[in-house]
Amino acid sequence: MLEVRRAVAPLRVFLVLLFALLVMLQAFSLPGQFAHMAEESPDQAHLRWPLTAVAVFWVLCVQVVVVCTWRLLALVQRDEIFSAGALRWVDGIVGAIGAAWVVLLGVFLLVGFTADDPGLPLLLFVVLLAGAALGLLMVVMRALLRQATTLRTDMEAVI
């Protein structure tokens, strides 16, 4: 358990940096990128705001995962990870991944039916499959956490 606790501090530094970069991306880079796209390709200028909204939403989903991971790390530090409280934060991660995946599915269907080139739909399909795998992996991890929590509770009741 000592090794895990030593990994928490560097991971928290990483999460703070990641969150700060995501805020910058959300506030400046993505809106600026899509504004530039609208200027360079006036025929696609109508996509500026929908693309901005979708991209900002996906970044928000990643931010939710970062916050939930932060809270889970706090539970690890206090040796309370095997508690009902941890399941709420894992549910937050699963929910954020699920929400991002549903929006990605919508984008995939929209692009898949309107694309002239198969490259972008194929790329979106690969990301869709990876997102599904990640979401299902988190569902399995949640089930494992629930089992471990139950076992720990049962062990404490015996002792």
N, C-alpha and C. Protein backbone atom coordinates (compact mmCIF):
# COMPACT_ATOMS: atom_id res chain seq x y z
N MET A 1 0.82 -1.20 0.00
CA MET A 1 0.00 0.00 0.00
C MET A 1 0.86 1.26 0.00
N LEU A 2 2.08 1.13 0.53
CA LEU A 2 2.98 2.28 0.57
C LEU A 2 3.34 2.75 -0.83
N GLU A 3 3.53 1.81 -1.77
CA GLU A 3 3.87 2.18 -3.15
C GLU A 3 2.73 2.96 -3.79
N VAL A 4 1.51 2.54 -3.49
CA VAL A 4 0.34 3.23 -4.05
C VAL A 4 0.28 4.65 -3.52
N ARG A 5 0.53 4.82 -2.23
CA ARG A 5 0.47 6.17 -1.64
C ARG A 5 1.55 7.07 -2.20
N ARG A 6 2.70 6.49 -2.54
CA ARG A 6 3.77 7.31 -3.14
C ARG A 6 3.42 7.72 -4.56
N ALA A 7 2.58 6.97 -5.22
CA ALA A 7 2.18 7.31 -6.59
C ALA A 7 1.08 8.36 -6.62
N VAL A 8 0.39 8.56 -5.50
CA VAL A 8 -0.75 9.48 -5.47
C VAL A 8 -0.30 10.92 -5.71
N ALA A 9 0.76 11.37 -5.07
CA ALA A 9 1.19 12.77 -5.23
C ALA A 9 1.58 13.10 -6.67
N PRO A 10 2.43 12.30 -7.32
CA PRO A 10 2.73 12.63 -8.72
C PRO A 10 1.50 12.56 -9.63
N LEU A 11 0.62 11.62 -9.35
CA LEU A 11 -0.60 11.52 -10.15
C LEU A 11 -1.47 12.75 -9.96
N ARG A 12 -1.53 13.26 -8.75
CA ARG A 12 -2.31 14.48 -8.52
C ARG A 12 -1.71 15.67 -9.26
N VAL A 13 -0.38 15.77 -9.31
CA VAL A 13 0.27 16.84 -10.07
C VAL A 13 -0.12 16.72 -11.54
N PHE A 14 -0.07 15.50 -12.06
CA PHE A 14 -0.46 15.26 -13.44
C PHE A 14 -1.92 15.66 -13.68
N LEU A 15 -2.80 15.30 -12.76
CA LEU A 15 -4.21 15.63 -12.92
C LEU A 15 -4.46 17.14 -12.89
N VAL A 16 -3.73 17.86 -12.04
CA VAL A 16 -3.88 19.32 -11.99
C VAL A 16 -3.42 19.93 -13.31
N LEU A 17 -2.28 19.48 -13.81
CA LEU A 17 -1.78 19.99 -15.10
C LEU A 17 -2.74 19.65 -16.24
N LEU A 18 -3.24 18.43 -16.24
CA LEU A 18 -4.19 18.01 -17.27
C LEU A 18 -5.46 18.86 -17.21
N PHE A 19 -5.97 19.08 -16.01
CA PHE A 19 -7.19 19.87 -15.86
C PHE A 19 -6.97 21.30 -16.36
N ALA A 20 -5.83 21.88 -16.00
CA ALA A 20 -5.52 23.25 -16.45
C ALA A 20 -5.43 23.31 -17.98
N LEU A 21 -4.78 22.34 -18.57
CA LEU A 21 -4.68 22.31 -20.03
C LEU A 21 -6.06 22.11 -20.68
N LEU A 22 -6.89 21.30 -20.06
CA LEU A 22 -8.24 21.10 -20.60
C LEU A 22 -9.06 22.38 -20.53
N VAL A 23 -8.91 23.15 -19.46
CA VAL A 23 -9.63 24.42 -19.36
C VAL A 23 -9.16 25.38 -20.45
N MET A 24 -7.85 25.44 -20.67
CA MET A 24 -7.32 26.30 -21.74
C MET A 24 -7.83 25.85 -23.11
N LEU A 25 -7.84 24.55 -23.32
CA LEU A 25 -8.35 23.99 -24.57
C LEU A 25 -9.81 24.36 -24.76
N GLN A 26 -10.58 24.21 -23.70
CA GLN A 26 -12.01 24.46 -23.74
C GLN A 26 -12.33 25.94 -23.96
N ALA A 27 -11.57 26.80 -23.33
CA ALA A 27 -11.89 28.23 -23.36
C ALA A 27 -11.29 28.96 -24.56
N PHE A 28 -10.11 28.54 -24.99
CA PHE A 28 -9.40 29.31 -26.02
C PHE A 28 -9.16 28.55 -27.31
N SER A 29 -8.54 27.40 -27.21
CA SER A 29 -8.07 26.71 -28.39
C SER A 29 -9.20 26.20 -29.28
N LEU A 30 -10.16 25.49 -28.70
CA LEU A 30 -11.23 24.93 -29.53
C LEU A 30 -12.09 26.01 -30.18
N PRO A 31 -12.58 27.01 -29.44
CA PRO A 31 -13.35 28.06 -30.12
C PRO A 31 -12.53 28.79 -31.19
N GLY A 32 -11.25 29.02 -30.90
CA GLY A 32 -10.39 29.68 -31.88
C GLY A 32 -10.15 28.84 -33.10
N GLN A 33 -9.97 27.55 -32.91
CA GLN A 33 -9.74 26.64 -34.03
C GLN A 33 -10.95 26.60 -34.96
N PHE A 34 -12.13 26.50 -34.37
CA PHE A 34 -13.33 26.42 -35.22
C PHE A 34 -13.67 27.77 -35.85
N ALA A 35 -13.31 28.87 -35.19
CA ALA A 35 -13.48 30.19 -35.81
C ALA A 35 -12.55 30.31 -37.01
N HIS A 36 -11.32 29.85 -36.86
CA HIS A 36 -10.36 29.87 -37.97
C HIS A 36 -10.86 28.98 -39.12
N MET A 37 -11.40 27.83 -38.79
CA MET A 37 -11.94 26.94 -39.81
C MET A 37 -13.06 27.65 -40.59
N ALA A 38 -13.91 28.38 -39.88
CA ALA A 38 -15.01 29.08 -40.53
C ALA A 38 -14.49 30.17 -41.47
N GLU A 39 -13.40 30.83 -41.08
CA GLU A 39 -12.81 31.86 -41.93
C GLU A 39 -12.15 31.27 -43.17
N GLU A 40 -11.46 30.16 -42.99
CA GLU A 40 -10.73 29.53 -44.09
C GLU A 40 -11.65 28.79 -45.05
N SER A 41 -12.74 28.24 -44.54
CA SER A 41 -13.68 27.48 -45.37
C SER A 41 -15.09 28.02 -45.15
N PRO A 42 -15.43 29.11 -45.82
CA PRO A 42 -16.76 29.70 -45.60
C PRO A 42 -17.91 28.74 -45.90
N ASP A 43 -17.67 27.76 -46.76
CA ASP A 43 -18.73 26.80 -47.08
C ASP A 43 -19.03 25.87 -45.90
N GLN A 44 -18.11 25.81 -44.94
CA GLN A 44 -18.33 24.98 -43.75
C GLN A 44 -18.50 25.82 -42.48
N ALA A 45 -18.69 27.11 -42.66
CA ALA A 45 -18.82 28.01 -41.52
C ALA A 45 -20.02 27.67 -40.64
N HIS A 46 -21.05 27.06 -41.21
CA HIS A 46 -22.23 26.70 -40.43
C HIS A 46 -21.92 25.62 -39.38
N LEU A 47 -20.80 24.93 -39.53
CA LEU A 47 -20.41 23.89 -38.58
C LEU A 47 -19.64 24.43 -37.37
N ARG A 48 -19.31 25.71 -37.41
CA ARG A 48 -18.47 26.29 -36.35
C ARG A 48 -19.06 26.04 -34.95
N TRP A 49 -20.27 26.43 -34.72
CA TRP A 49 -20.84 26.33 -33.37
C TRP A 49 -21.21 24.91 -32.97
N PRO A 50 -21.78 24.10 -33.87
CA PRO A 50 -22.01 22.71 -33.46
C PRO A 50 -20.72 21.96 -33.13
N LEU A 51 -19.68 22.17 -33.94
CA LEU A 51 -18.41 21.50 -33.66
C LEU A 51 -17.78 22.01 -32.37
N THR A 52 -17.90 23.31 -32.12
CA THR A 52 -17.38 23.87 -30.88
C THR A 52 -18.11 23.27 -29.68
N ALA A 53 -19.43 23.21 -29.77
CA ALA A 53 -20.22 22.66 -28.66
C ALA A 53 -19.88 21.20 -28.38
N VAL A 54 -19.76 20.40 -29.43
CA VAL A 54 -19.44 18.98 -29.25
C VAL A 54 -18.04 18.81 -28.66
N ALA A 55 -17.08 19.55 -29.19
CA ALA A 55 -15.71 19.43 -28.69
C ALA A 55 -15.60 19.89 -27.24
N VAL A 56 -16.26 20.98 -26.89
CA VAL A 56 -16.23 21.48 -25.51
C VAL A 56 -16.92 20.47 -24.58
N PHE A 57 -18.00 19.84 -25.06
CA PHE A 57 -18.68 18.82 -24.26
C PHE A 57 -17.76 17.63 -24.00
N TRP A 58 -17.02 17.19 -25.02
CA TRP A 58 -16.10 16.07 -24.82
C TRP A 58 -15.00 16.43 -23.82
N VAL A 59 -14.51 17.65 -23.89
CA VAL A 59 -13.50 18.08 -22.92
C VAL A 59 -14.11 18.12 -21.52
N LEU A 60 -15.36 18.56 -21.42
CA LEU A 60 -16.05 18.56 -20.13
C LEU A 60 -16.15 17.13 -19.57
N CYS A 61 -16.43 16.18 -20.42
CA CYS A 61 -16.50 14.78 -19.97
C CYS A 61 -15.15 14.32 -19.43
N VAL A 62 -14.07 14.71 -20.09
CA VAL A 62 -12.74 14.36 -19.59
C VAL A 62 -12.48 15.04 -18.25
N GLN A 63 -12.94 16.28 -18.10
CA GLN A 63 -12.78 16.99 -16.83
C GLN A 63 -13.52 16.28 -15.71
N VAL A 64 -14.70 15.76 -15.99
CA VAL A 64 -15.44 15.00 -14.98
C VAL A 64 -14.64 13.77 -14.56
N VAL A 65 -14.05 13.09 -15.52
CA VAL A 65 -13.22 11.92 -15.21
C VAL A 65 -12.04 12.33 -14.34
N VAL A 66 -11.42 13.46 -14.63
CA VAL A 66 -10.28 13.93 -13.84
C VAL A 66 -10.71 14.22 -12.40
N VAL A 67 -11.83 14.91 -12.23
CA VAL A 67 -12.31 15.24 -10.88
C VAL A 67 -12.66 13.96 -10.11
N CYS A 68 -13.34 13.04 -10.76
CA CYS A 68 -13.69 11.78 -10.09
C CYS A 68 -12.44 10.99 -9.71
N THR A 69 -11.45 11.00 -10.58
CA THR A 69 -10.19 10.31 -10.27
C THR A 69 -9.51 10.98 -9.08
N TRP A 70 -9.54 12.29 -9.02
CA TRP A 70 -8.97 13.03 -7.88
C TRP A 70 -9.63 12.58 -6.58
N ARG A 71 -10.95 12.51 -6.60
CA ARG A 71 -11.69 12.11 -5.39
C ARG A 71 -11.38 10.66 -5.01
N LEU A 72 -11.23 9.79 -6.00
CA LEU A 72 -10.86 8.40 -5.71
C LEU A 72 -9.47 8.32 -5.11
N LEU A 73 -8.57 9.18 -5.57
CA LEU A 73 -7.22 9.21 -4.98
C LEU A 73 -7.27 9.64 -3.52
N ALA A 74 -8.17 10.55 -3.19
CA ALA A 74 -8.31 10.95 -1.78
C ALA A 74 -8.78 9.76 -0.95
N LEU A 75 -9.67 8.96 -1.50
CA LEU A 75 -10.11 7.77 -0.78
C LEU A 75 -8.98 6.75 -0.65
N VAL A 76 -8.14 6.65 -1.64
CA VAL A 76 -6.99 5.74 -1.56
C VAL A 76 -6.05 6.20 -0.45
N GLN A 77 -5.80 7.49 -0.37
CA GLN A 77 -4.90 8.01 0.67
C GLN A 77 -5.43 7.74 2.07
N ARG A 78 -6.73 7.81 2.23
CA ARG A 78 -7.33 7.58 3.56
C ARG A 78 -7.68 6.10 3.78
N ASP A 79 -7.29 5.25 2.85
CA ASP A 79 -7.58 3.82 2.91
C ASP A 79 -9.09 3.57 3.04
N GLU A 80 -9.87 4.35 2.27
CA GLU A 80 -11.32 4.21 2.26
C GLU A 80 -11.84 3.88 0.86
N ILE A 81 -10.95 3.38 0.01
CA ILE A 81 -11.34 3.13 -1.37
C ILE A 81 -12.39 2.03 -1.47
N PHE A 82 -12.36 1.09 -0.52
CA PHE A 82 -13.35 0.01 -0.54
C PHE A 82 -14.55 0.41 0.31
N SER A 83 -15.25 1.43 -0.16
CA SER A 83 -16.43 1.93 0.55
C SER A 83 -17.50 2.29 -0.47
N ALA A 84 -18.71 2.46 0.01
CA ALA A 84 -19.80 2.82 -0.88
C ALA A 84 -19.57 4.20 -1.52
N GLY A 85 -18.85 5.06 -0.82
CA GLY A 85 -18.55 6.38 -1.36
C GLY A 85 -17.72 6.33 -2.63
N ALA A 86 -16.86 5.34 -2.73
CA ALA A 86 -16.03 5.21 -3.93
C ALA A 86 -16.86 4.86 -5.15
N LEU A 87 -17.93 4.12 -4.93
CA LEU A 87 -18.76 3.72 -6.07
C LEU A 87 -19.41 4.92 -6.75
N ARG A 88 -19.74 5.95 -5.98
CA ARG A 88 -20.32 7.16 -6.58
C ARG A 88 -19.36 7.80 -7.57
N TRP A 89 -18.08 7.85 -7.20
CA TRP A 89 -17.09 8.48 -8.08
C TRP A 89 -16.83 7.63 -9.31
N VAL A 90 -16.85 6.32 -9.15
CA VAL A 90 -16.70 5.44 -10.32
C VAL A 90 -17.93 5.58 -11.21
N ASP A 91 -19.11 5.73 -10.61
CA ASP A 91 -20.32 5.97 -11.40
C ASP A 91 -20.19 7.27 -12.20
N GLY A 92 -19.56 8.28 -11.62
CA GLY A 92 -19.33 9.54 -12.34
C GLY A 92 -18.45 9.32 -13.56
N ILE A 93 -17.42 8.51 -13.40
CA ILE A 93 -16.53 8.20 -14.53
C ILE A 93 -17.30 7.45 -15.61
N VAL A 94 -18.05 6.44 -15.20
CA VAL A 94 -18.83 5.65 -16.16
C VAL A 94 -19.85 6.55 -16.87
N GLY A 95 -20.50 7.43 -16.13
CA GLY A 95 -21.47 8.34 -16.72
C GLY A 95 -20.85 9.30 -17.73
N ALA A 96 -19.69 9.84 -17.39
CA ALA A 96 -19.01 10.77 -18.31
C ALA A 96 -18.57 10.05 -19.58
N ILE A 97 -18.03 8.86 -19.43
CA ILE A 97 -17.62 8.09 -20.61
C ILE A 97 -18.85 7.73 -21.45
N GLY A 98 -19.93 7.34 -20.79
CA GLY A 98 -21.16 7.00 -21.51
C GLY A 98 -21.73 8.19 -22.26
N ALA A 99 -21.76 9.35 -21.63
CA ALA A 99 -22.30 10.56 -22.27
C ALA A 99 -21.44 10.94 -23.48
N ALA A 100 -20.12 10.90 -23.31
CA ALA A 100 -19.23 11.23 -24.43
C ALA A 100 -19.41 10.23 -25.57
N TRP A 101 -19.61 8.95 -25.22
CA TRP A 101 -19.77 7.92 -26.23
C TRP A 101 -21.07 8.11 -27.01
N VAL A 102 -22.15 8.47 -26.33
CA VAL A 102 -23.43 8.68 -27.01
C VAL A 102 -23.32 9.84 -28.00
N VAL A 103 -22.67 10.92 -27.60
CA VAL A 103 -22.49 12.05 -28.51
C VAL A 103 -21.59 11.63 -29.67
N LEU A 104 -20.55 10.86 -29.39
CA LEU A 104 -19.68 10.37 -30.45
C LEU A 104 -20.45 9.49 -31.42
N LEU A 105 -21.34 8.66 -30.92
CA LEU A 105 -22.17 7.83 -31.79
C LEU A 105 -23.01 8.71 -32.71
N GLY A 106 -23.59 9.77 -32.17
CA GLY A 106 -24.36 10.69 -33.00
C GLY A 106 -23.52 11.34 -34.08
N VAL A 107 -22.32 11.78 -33.70
CA VAL A 107 -21.41 12.38 -34.69
C VAL A 107 -21.03 11.35 -35.74
N PHE A 108 -20.74 10.12 -35.31
CA PHE A 108 -20.39 9.06 -36.25
C PHE A 108 -21.51 8.81 -37.24
N LEU A 109 -22.74 8.72 -36.75
CA LEU A 109 -23.86 8.47 -37.65
C LEU A 109 -24.07 9.63 -38.62
N LEU A 110 -23.96 10.85 -38.11
CA LEU A 110 -24.12 12.02 -38.96
C LEU A 110 -23.04 12.08 -40.04
N VAL A 111 -21.80 11.89 -39.63
CA VAL A 111 -20.68 11.94 -40.58
C VAL A 111 -20.72 10.74 -41.51
N GLY A 112 -21.07 9.58 -40.96
CA GLY A 112 -21.09 8.36 -41.77
C GLY A 112 -22.06 8.43 -42.93
N PHE A 113 -23.18 9.12 -42.74
CA PHE A 113 -24.18 9.22 -43.81
C PHE A 113 -23.93 10.38 -44.76
N THR A 114 -23.04 11.30 -44.39
CA THR A 114 -22.82 12.47 -45.25
C THR A 114 -21.41 12.57 -45.81
N ALA A 115 -20.51 11.70 -45.41
CA ALA A 115 -19.11 11.82 -45.82
C ALA A 115 -18.90 11.33 -47.25
N ASP A 116 -18.00 12.02 -47.96
CA ASP A 116 -17.61 11.60 -49.31
C ASP A 116 -16.42 10.65 -49.26
N ASP A 117 -15.60 10.82 -48.23
CA ASP A 117 -14.37 10.05 -48.08
C ASP A 117 -14.54 9.10 -46.89
N PRO A 118 -14.13 7.85 -47.00
CA PRO A 118 -14.33 6.92 -45.89
C PRO A 118 -13.34 7.10 -44.73
N GLY A 119 -12.36 7.96 -44.87
CA GLY A 119 -11.32 8.12 -43.85
C GLY A 119 -11.86 8.58 -42.51
N LEU A 120 -12.62 9.66 -42.50
CA LEU A 120 -13.15 10.20 -41.24
C LEU A 120 -14.15 9.26 -40.57
N PRO A 121 -15.09 8.69 -41.31
CA PRO A 121 -15.98 7.73 -40.64
C PRO A 121 -15.23 6.53 -40.07
N LEU A 122 -14.21 6.08 -40.76
CA LEU A 122 -13.42 4.95 -40.26
C LEU A 122 -12.69 5.33 -38.97
N LEU A 123 -12.12 6.52 -38.96
CA LEU A 123 -11.44 7.01 -37.75
C LEU A 123 -12.43 7.15 -36.60
N LEU A 124 -13.59 7.71 -36.87
CA LEU A 124 -14.61 7.84 -35.83
C LEU A 124 -15.08 6.48 -35.34
N PHE A 125 -15.16 5.50 -36.23
CA PHE A 125 -15.57 4.16 -35.83
C PHE A 125 -14.54 3.53 -34.89
N VAL A 126 -13.26 3.73 -35.19
CA VAL A 126 -12.20 3.21 -34.31
C VAL A 126 -12.29 3.87 -32.94
N VAL A 127 -12.48 5.18 -32.89
CA VAL A 127 -12.61 5.89 -31.62
C VAL A 127 -13.88 5.44 -30.89
N LEU A 128 -14.94 5.19 -31.63
CA LEU A 128 -16.19 4.70 -31.04
C LEU A 128 -15.97 3.33 -30.38
N LEU A 129 -15.26 2.45 -31.06
CA LEU A 129 -14.96 1.14 -30.48
C LEU A 129 -14.07 1.27 -29.25
N ALA A 130 -13.06 2.14 -29.32
CA ALA A 130 -12.17 2.34 -28.17
C ALA A 130 -12.95 2.92 -27.00
N GLY A 131 -13.85 3.85 -27.26
CA GLY A 131 -14.67 4.43 -26.19
C GLY A 131 -15.59 3.39 -25.56
N ALA A 132 -16.15 2.52 -26.40
CA ALA A 132 -17.00 1.45 -25.87
C ALA A 132 -16.18 0.50 -25.00
N ALA A 133 -14.98 0.17 -25.45
CA ALA A 133 -14.12 -0.72 -24.66
C ALA A 133 -13.76 -0.06 -23.34
N LEU A 134 -13.43 1.22 -23.35
CA LEU A 134 -13.09 1.93 -22.12
C LEU A 134 -14.28 1.98 -21.17
N GLY A 135 -15.45 2.28 -21.71
CA GLY A 135 -16.65 2.32 -20.87
C GLY A 135 -16.96 0.97 -20.25
N LEU A 136 -16.88 -0.08 -21.04
CA LEU A 136 -17.14 -1.43 -20.52
C LEU A 136 -16.07 -1.85 -19.51
N LEU A 137 -14.83 -1.45 -19.75
CA LEU A 137 -13.77 -1.73 -18.78
C LEU A 137 -14.07 -1.07 -17.44
N MET A 138 -14.57 0.15 -17.47
CA MET A 138 -14.91 0.85 -16.23
C MET A 138 -16.09 0.18 -15.54
N VAL A 139 -17.03 -0.36 -16.30
CA VAL A 139 -18.15 -1.09 -15.70
C VAL A 139 -17.62 -2.34 -14.98
N VAL A 140 -16.68 -3.03 -15.61
CA VAL A 140 -16.07 -4.21 -14.97
C VAL A 140 -15.29 -3.80 -13.72
N MET A 141 -14.55 -2.71 -13.80
CA MET A 141 -13.79 -2.23 -12.65
C MET A 141 -14.73 -1.84 -11.51
N ARG A 142 -15.87 -1.27 -11.85
CA ARG A 142 -16.85 -0.93 -10.83
C ARG A 142 -17.38 -2.19 -10.15
N ALA A 143 -17.64 -3.22 -10.93
CA ALA A 143 -18.11 -4.48 -10.35
C ALA A 143 -17.05 -5.09 -9.44
N LEU A 144 -15.79 -5.00 -9.84
CA LEU A 144 -14.70 -5.51 -8.99
C LEU A 144 -14.60 -4.70 -7.70
N LEU A 145 -14.76 -3.38 -7.80
CA LEU A 145 -14.73 -2.54 -6.60
C LEU A 145 -15.88 -2.89 -5.67
N ARG A 146 -17.05 -3.13 -6.25
CA ARG A 146 -18.21 -3.52 -5.43
C ARG A 146 -17.95 -4.85 -4.72
N GLN A 147 -17.37 -5.83 -5.43
CA GLN A 147 -17.06 -7.12 -4.81
C GLN A 147 -16.04 -6.96 -3.69
N ALA A 148 -14.99 -6.18 -3.95
CA ALA A 148 -13.97 -5.97 -2.93
C ALA A 148 -14.53 -5.25 -1.73
N THR A 149 -15.42 -4.29 -1.96
CA THR A 149 -16.06 -3.57 -0.86
C THR A 149 -16.91 -4.52 -0.02
N THR A 150 -17.64 -5.38 -0.68
CA THR A 150 -18.47 -6.36 0.03
C THR A 150 -17.60 -7.32 0.84
N LEU A 151 -16.52 -7.79 0.22
CA LEU A 151 -15.62 -8.70 0.94
C LEU A 151 -15.00 -8.02 2.16
N ARG A 152 -14.59 -6.78 1.99
CA ARG A 152 -13.97 -6.06 3.10
C ARG A 152 -14.99 -5.84 4.23
N THR A 153 -16.21 -5.49 3.86
CA THR A 153 -17.26 -5.29 4.86
C THR A 153 -17.55 -6.58 5.58
N ASP A 154 -17.61 -7.69 4.85
CA ASP A 154 -17.84 -8.99 5.47
C ASP A 154 -16.69 -9.38 6.42
N MET A 155 -15.47 -9.09 6.00
CA MET A 155 -14.30 -9.41 6.84
C MET A 155 -14.31 -8.58 8.12
N GLU A 156 -14.68 -7.30 8.00
CA GLU A 156 -14.73 -6.46 9.19
C GLU A 156 -15.84 -6.90 10.13
N ALA A 157 -16.92 -7.45 9.59
CA ALA A 157 -18.01 -7.93 10.43
C ALA A 157 -17.60 -9.18 11.21
N VAL A 158 -16.75 -9.99 10.57
CA VAL A 158 -16.29 -11.23 11.23
C VAL A 158 -15.31 -10.89 12.35
N ILE A 159 -14.47 -9.92 12.11
CA ILE A 159 -13.43 -9.56 13.09
C ILE A 159 -14.05 -8.74 14.17
